[in-house]
N, C-alpha and C. Protein backbone atom coordinates (compact mmCIF):
# COMPACT_ATOMS: atom_id res chain seq x y z
N UNK A 1 0.85 -1.17 0.00
CA UNK A 1 0.00 0.00 0.00
C UNK A 1 0.89 1.23 0.00
N UNK A 2 0.58 2.17 -0.87
CA UNK A 2 1.39 3.39 -0.91
C UNK A 2 0.81 4.45 0.02
N UNK A 3 1.56 5.54 0.18
CA UNK A 3 1.14 6.58 1.14
C UNK A 3 -0.15 7.27 0.71
N UNK A 4 -0.43 7.36 -0.57
CA UNK A 4 -1.67 8.00 -1.04
C UNK A 4 -2.87 7.13 -0.67
N UNK A 5 -2.76 5.82 -0.88
CA UNK A 5 -3.86 4.93 -0.50
C UNK A 5 -4.09 4.97 1.00
N UNK A 6 -3.02 5.01 1.79
CA UNK A 6 -3.15 5.07 3.24
C UNK A 6 -3.84 6.36 3.68
N UNK A 7 -3.43 7.50 3.10
CA UNK A 7 -4.04 8.78 3.47
C UNK A 7 -5.52 8.82 3.08
N UNK A 8 -5.84 8.28 1.90
CA UNK A 8 -7.24 8.27 1.45
C UNK A 8 -8.09 7.48 2.42
N UNK A 9 -7.62 6.33 2.84
CA UNK A 9 -8.38 5.51 3.79
C UNK A 9 -8.48 6.21 5.15
N UNK A 10 -7.41 6.84 5.57
CA UNK A 10 -7.45 7.55 6.85
C UNK A 10 -8.50 8.66 6.82
N UNK A 11 -8.60 9.36 5.70
CA UNK A 11 -9.61 10.42 5.59
C UNK A 11 -11.00 9.84 5.56
N UNK A 12 -11.20 8.75 4.83
CA UNK A 12 -12.53 8.17 4.68
C UNK A 12 -13.04 7.56 5.98
N UNK A 13 -12.18 6.82 6.68
CA UNK A 13 -12.68 6.07 7.83
C UNK A 13 -11.98 6.40 9.14
N UNK A 14 -10.98 7.26 9.10
CA UNK A 14 -10.31 7.68 10.32
C UNK A 14 -9.41 6.63 10.94
N UNK A 15 -9.18 5.55 10.23
CA UNK A 15 -8.38 4.45 10.78
C UNK A 15 -6.94 4.62 10.32
N UNK A 16 -5.99 4.53 11.25
CA UNK A 16 -4.61 4.85 10.92
C UNK A 16 -3.66 3.67 10.96
N UNK A 17 -4.08 2.53 11.45
CA UNK A 17 -3.19 1.39 11.61
C UNK A 17 -3.68 0.19 10.82
N UNK A 18 -2.88 -0.83 10.79
CA UNK A 18 -3.22 -2.16 10.30
C UNK A 18 -4.17 -2.18 9.10
N UNK A 19 -3.60 -1.95 7.93
CA UNK A 19 -4.39 -1.98 6.72
C UNK A 19 -4.25 -3.37 6.08
N UNK A 20 -5.22 -3.73 5.26
CA UNK A 20 -5.26 -5.05 4.67
C UNK A 20 -5.70 -4.93 3.21
N UNK A 21 -5.28 -5.91 2.39
CA UNK A 21 -5.68 -5.96 0.99
C UNK A 21 -6.93 -6.83 0.89
N UNK A 22 -7.98 -6.27 0.33
CA UNK A 22 -9.25 -6.99 0.16
C UNK A 22 -9.50 -7.19 -1.33
N UNK A 23 -9.77 -8.43 -1.72
CA UNK A 23 -10.15 -8.72 -3.11
C UNK A 23 -11.64 -8.39 -3.25
N UNK A 24 -11.95 -7.45 -4.12
CA UNK A 24 -13.36 -7.07 -4.33
C UNK A 24 -14.18 -8.26 -4.79
N UNK A 25 -13.66 -9.00 -5.76
CA UNK A 25 -14.27 -10.27 -6.16
C UNK A 25 -13.37 -11.35 -5.56
N UNK A 26 -13.96 -12.22 -4.78
CA UNK A 26 -13.19 -13.22 -4.04
C UNK A 26 -12.37 -14.11 -4.96
N UNK A 27 -11.13 -14.37 -4.55
CA UNK A 27 -10.26 -15.26 -5.33
C UNK A 27 -10.89 -16.63 -5.52
N UNK A 28 -11.58 -17.11 -4.49
CA UNK A 28 -12.20 -18.44 -4.56
C UNK A 28 -13.40 -18.49 -5.51
N UNK A 29 -13.88 -17.32 -5.92
CA UNK A 29 -15.06 -17.25 -6.81
C UNK A 29 -14.71 -16.66 -8.16
N UNK A 30 -13.45 -16.70 -8.55
CA UNK A 30 -13.01 -15.99 -9.75
C UNK A 30 -13.75 -16.43 -11.01
N UNK A 31 -14.12 -17.68 -11.11
CA UNK A 31 -14.86 -18.13 -12.29
C UNK A 31 -16.28 -17.56 -12.28
N UNK A 32 -16.88 -17.46 -11.10
CA UNK A 32 -18.23 -16.89 -10.99
C UNK A 32 -18.23 -15.40 -11.27
N UNK A 33 -17.15 -14.72 -10.86
CA UNK A 33 -17.09 -13.26 -11.00
C UNK A 33 -16.81 -12.84 -12.44
N UNK A 34 -16.13 -13.69 -13.19
CA UNK A 34 -15.83 -13.37 -14.58
C UNK A 34 -14.80 -12.27 -14.78
N UNK A 35 -13.92 -12.08 -13.79
CA UNK A 35 -12.88 -11.06 -13.91
C UNK A 35 -11.55 -11.63 -13.44
N UNK A 36 -10.49 -10.87 -13.72
CA UNK A 36 -9.16 -11.23 -13.24
C UNK A 36 -9.05 -10.79 -11.78
N UNK A 37 -9.23 -11.72 -10.86
CA UNK A 37 -9.25 -11.36 -9.44
C UNK A 37 -7.89 -10.93 -8.92
N UNK A 38 -6.83 -11.19 -9.69
CA UNK A 38 -5.49 -10.81 -9.26
C UNK A 38 -5.08 -9.42 -9.78
N UNK A 39 -5.95 -8.78 -10.54
CA UNK A 39 -5.69 -7.44 -11.05
C UNK A 39 -5.73 -6.43 -9.90
N UNK A 40 -4.91 -5.39 -10.00
CA UNK A 40 -4.92 -4.34 -8.97
C UNK A 40 -6.28 -3.64 -8.89
N UNK A 41 -7.05 -3.66 -9.98
CA UNK A 41 -8.40 -3.08 -9.97
C UNK A 41 -9.34 -3.85 -9.06
N UNK A 42 -8.97 -5.07 -8.72
CA UNK A 42 -9.80 -5.90 -7.86
C UNK A 42 -9.35 -5.84 -6.40
N UNK A 43 -8.42 -4.97 -6.08
CA UNK A 43 -7.89 -4.86 -4.72
C UNK A 43 -8.30 -3.53 -4.10
N UNK A 44 -8.79 -3.59 -2.89
CA UNK A 44 -9.05 -2.40 -2.08
C UNK A 44 -8.17 -2.49 -0.84
N UNK A 45 -7.68 -1.36 -0.39
CA UNK A 45 -6.91 -1.29 0.85
C UNK A 45 -7.86 -0.81 1.94
N UNK A 46 -8.08 -1.67 2.92
CA UNK A 46 -9.07 -1.38 3.96
C UNK A 46 -8.49 -1.67 5.34
N UNK A 47 -9.03 -1.06 6.40
CA UNK A 47 -8.61 -1.40 7.75
C UNK A 47 -8.88 -2.88 8.04
N UNK A 48 -7.98 -3.51 8.75
CA UNK A 48 -8.11 -4.93 9.06
C UNK A 48 -9.45 -5.24 9.71
N UNK A 49 -9.89 -4.40 10.64
CA UNK A 49 -11.16 -4.70 11.32
C UNK A 49 -12.35 -4.62 10.37
N UNK A 50 -12.31 -3.72 9.38
CA UNK A 50 -13.38 -3.64 8.38
C UNK A 50 -13.36 -4.90 7.51
N UNK A 51 -12.16 -5.33 7.14
CA UNK A 51 -12.00 -6.52 6.30
C UNK A 51 -12.57 -7.75 7.01
N UNK A 52 -12.23 -7.90 8.27
CA UNK A 52 -12.74 -9.04 9.06
C UNK A 52 -14.25 -8.99 9.18
N UNK A 53 -14.79 -7.80 9.43
CA UNK A 53 -16.24 -7.65 9.57
C UNK A 53 -16.96 -8.01 8.27
N UNK A 54 -16.41 -7.56 7.14
CA UNK A 54 -17.01 -7.88 5.84
C UNK A 54 -17.10 -9.39 5.66
N UNK A 55 -15.99 -10.10 5.89
CA UNK A 55 -15.98 -11.54 5.68
C UNK A 55 -16.79 -12.29 6.73
N UNK A 56 -16.89 -11.74 7.92
CA UNK A 56 -17.74 -12.35 8.94
C UNK A 56 -19.20 -12.31 8.49
N UNK A 57 -19.61 -11.19 7.91
CA UNK A 57 -20.99 -11.05 7.44
C UNK A 57 -21.25 -11.75 6.11
N UNK A 58 -20.31 -11.61 5.17
CA UNK A 58 -20.59 -12.00 3.80
C UNK A 58 -19.71 -13.10 3.23
N UNK A 59 -18.77 -13.62 4.00
CA UNK A 59 -17.88 -14.69 3.55
C UNK A 59 -17.25 -14.31 2.22
N UNK A 60 -17.43 -15.13 1.20
CA UNK A 60 -16.85 -14.84 -0.11
C UNK A 60 -17.97 -14.64 -1.14
N UNK A 61 -19.09 -14.11 -0.71
CA UNK A 61 -20.26 -13.94 -1.57
C UNK A 61 -20.01 -12.92 -2.68
N UNK A 62 -20.73 -13.10 -3.78
CA UNK A 62 -20.73 -12.14 -4.88
C UNK A 62 -21.70 -11.00 -4.55
N UNK A 63 -21.56 -9.85 -5.23
CA UNK A 63 -22.43 -8.71 -4.90
C UNK A 63 -23.93 -9.02 -4.94
N UNK A 64 -24.36 -9.81 -5.91
CA UNK A 64 -25.78 -10.15 -6.00
C UNK A 64 -26.23 -10.97 -4.78
N UNK A 65 -25.36 -11.83 -4.30
CA UNK A 65 -25.67 -12.64 -3.13
C UNK A 65 -25.69 -11.78 -1.87
N UNK A 66 -24.80 -10.81 -1.80
CA UNK A 66 -24.78 -9.88 -0.66
C UNK A 66 -26.06 -9.05 -0.65
N UNK A 67 -26.48 -8.59 -1.81
CA UNK A 67 -27.72 -7.82 -1.90
C UNK A 67 -28.90 -8.64 -1.40
N UNK A 68 -28.94 -9.92 -1.76
CA UNK A 68 -30.03 -10.78 -1.30
C UNK A 68 -30.02 -10.91 0.23
N UNK A 69 -28.84 -11.10 0.80
CA UNK A 69 -28.73 -11.19 2.27
C UNK A 69 -29.21 -9.89 2.92
N UNK A 70 -28.76 -8.76 2.39
CA UNK A 70 -29.16 -7.47 2.95
C UNK A 70 -30.67 -7.29 2.86
N UNK A 71 -31.26 -7.61 1.73
CA UNK A 71 -32.69 -7.45 1.55
C UNK A 71 -33.51 -8.37 2.45
N UNK A 72 -33.04 -9.60 2.61
CA UNK A 72 -33.80 -10.56 3.42
C UNK A 72 -33.65 -10.34 4.91
N UNK A 73 -32.51 -9.76 5.33
CA UNK A 73 -32.22 -9.72 6.76
C UNK A 73 -32.09 -8.32 7.35
N UNK A 74 -31.45 -7.41 6.63
CA UNK A 74 -31.00 -6.17 7.24
C UNK A 74 -31.76 -4.91 6.83
N UNK A 75 -32.38 -4.92 5.68
CA UNK A 75 -32.98 -3.70 5.15
C UNK A 75 -34.49 -3.74 5.34
N UNK A 76 -35.06 -2.58 5.64
CA UNK A 76 -36.51 -2.53 5.86
C UNK A 76 -37.25 -3.05 4.62
N UNK A 77 -38.42 -3.63 4.83
CA UNK A 77 -39.16 -4.34 3.78
C UNK A 77 -39.62 -3.44 2.63
N UNK A 78 -39.78 -2.14 2.87
CA UNK A 78 -40.26 -1.26 1.80
C UNK A 78 -39.11 -0.67 0.97
N UNK A 79 -37.90 -1.19 1.15
CA UNK A 79 -36.72 -0.76 0.41
C UNK A 79 -36.04 -1.99 -0.17
N UNK A 80 -35.51 -1.85 -1.38
CA UNK A 80 -34.79 -2.97 -1.99
C UNK A 80 -33.40 -2.51 -2.40
N UNK A 81 -32.39 -3.24 -1.94
CA UNK A 81 -31.00 -3.00 -2.29
C UNK A 81 -30.72 -3.79 -3.56
N UNK A 82 -30.20 -3.12 -4.61
CA UNK A 82 -29.94 -3.81 -5.87
C UNK A 82 -28.50 -3.61 -6.29
N UNK A 83 -28.01 -4.53 -7.09
CA UNK A 83 -26.66 -4.46 -7.66
C UNK A 83 -26.81 -4.20 -9.15
N UNK A 84 -26.14 -3.15 -9.62
CA UNK A 84 -26.22 -2.79 -11.04
C UNK A 84 -24.79 -2.85 -11.60
N UNK A 85 -24.53 -3.71 -12.57
CA UNK A 85 -23.19 -3.76 -13.17
C UNK A 85 -22.83 -2.42 -13.82
N UNK A 86 -21.54 -2.09 -13.77
CA UNK A 86 -21.09 -0.84 -14.41
C UNK A 86 -20.59 -1.13 -15.79
């Protein structure tokens, strides 16, 4: 992680220590994701505690699967969380 990535994360979340590399599309699901999971575009630098929390909640799920979990469990019934490809 370079100093610009560290400063950006510090500004966004106020966390200054222990950063971790998170694969946006899980390495174990690379065939399902249809992308090069080893590309730098698939890496986010995040605080270790955020990374652990994400995987505790969502394991190695794809965005569509995460949206389903959020809709079924966490989001009020009159709202729907959707995933739109870019």
